[in-house]
Each structure stands twice: as structure tokens, then as C-alpha cells.
């Protein structure tokens, strides 16, 4: 089963680019971030005609997440528990059943947190604490589960082409990295690092300053696997082709393959 995560940075502006990638990459499941539209405005028809079932958790003009799946989506949940006042659409999860296993797929768009310090950074850290709670629940279930999406976290200096440029950014502050490590160290596997070591692997390049041309990127899109999902991992990679296309997102897809 091929599962991918892609921050599309506006589904209506980039639906053609999304469809071209889906046609080429053929993921069984794709989690999307920053769809930036309400559920009713999501361009379902173009994706449904490609064989995808669709569940969305949208928000007007900002945020928004979705799951596309060629397999049925069951027990769909929207929103990350722990703060009933949180109206930002950043979390969606559902179960898909493959040939061998049922998988819990969680798609997330973690807050950016800038400027830091400040209320936005406080919200980021609080959201990560709620994510840790959900991560513990997924581990306790002792079932295959994937938490994939735009984490807005640069885990280590080697995950940035110019780490010094991000030292004071909310994506790389010590508190951010510590919160991410706490989640991983519960027993999750960073799928990409399980297959690839060293610097030079990125999923985001800013639109400014010729970042794509210079390969001045950062790795902030991640797939974390419970031990039961990690046992099924056969491959993982970053698909850079969409970032080189017309009207690209500033992110590019990360994909994993599970023997599920």
C-alpha cells in the first residue's frame, strides 16, 4: 500500500497539479494539508473520477486537511482532541483496510508557530502536547497506524540546507525539536530516516530567493509509524517532481510503502 502526504498549498489553485501527480504516482492513500477551502468547495469530482474516496476537514481560506483513498474510509474523525475551543482544521483520521492489515491513517497540519515567542508559538507547543496524547493512544491500541503530514518541524540541523538560517525560527527552536522527539521516542519510527540517512533531503523550498533552484530546502513533512506499521514498511521516499512543475506548491510529496 502506497501512502503519501502532500501540503498542496491551496487545492483550488493547484488541483491540476494534484491530479497530474496522482496520475503519475498512483498512491493508494494521500493525506493533504492546506486545502484552504470549506468542505463544500473541495473539487471532489476530479478526484472521485480517479477512483478516490474523499474525506475533508476544511476551513475557509486557511489550513484544512483531507484524506484521499482508493480503499473505503471507515471511522472518520475530524479535529485533534484536547481543546474544544480550537476551530482550526488541522487533523483528520480514518481506517483503511488493505490485503493484509487495517491501518489507522492520521493526516495532520501542525501549526507553524511564528513569530516566536508569542501566542502563535504557544499554540504550536500546546497543539504538539495534544498530538503527544493522541500518539500515546495510538501506541496503546497496538495496531498499525501512520501519522503523516506537514509537521512544521525541522528535526535536526541536517534537515536544512542552511541550518543557521532557521535557528531562531519556530520550526527549529529547541522547544519544538524537544516536543517532536518526545513523540518519536514514545516508540514511533520516522519512516524516511528508517530508509535514508544524511543531509540533502528536503520536502519544502520557499518561493523566494530561488530556493528551489539552489536546493535551499528543509525537511518538515514526516510520516511517523507505530511499531506495528514500521514492521510493514518496505520503502519511503520524497517525490520532487511536483515542485518542479507549473504553479507548484512550496512542498513536495513524501511517500511510504507498507506491506499491508
Foldseek 3Di string as FASTA:
>chain_A
DKEKEEAFQACVLCVVLVLVCCVVVVGQKYKYKFNQDCPVPHPVPSLVVVQWDKDWDYDHRGIIMMMTHNFDWAPKDWDQDDDPVDPHGFKIWTWGQDPPFIEIEIEGDQQLQPPPPDDSVVRRLVVLVSVLVVLVVVLVVVGKYKYWYQNLAQQDCLQFPHSVVCDNGSNYDPSNNVSVCVSCVVAKDFLVCVADDTHLAAFFADPPDCCVVVVRHGHRTTMIIHPNQVVFWDDKDWDCVQVVDPPGDRGGMIMTDGPD
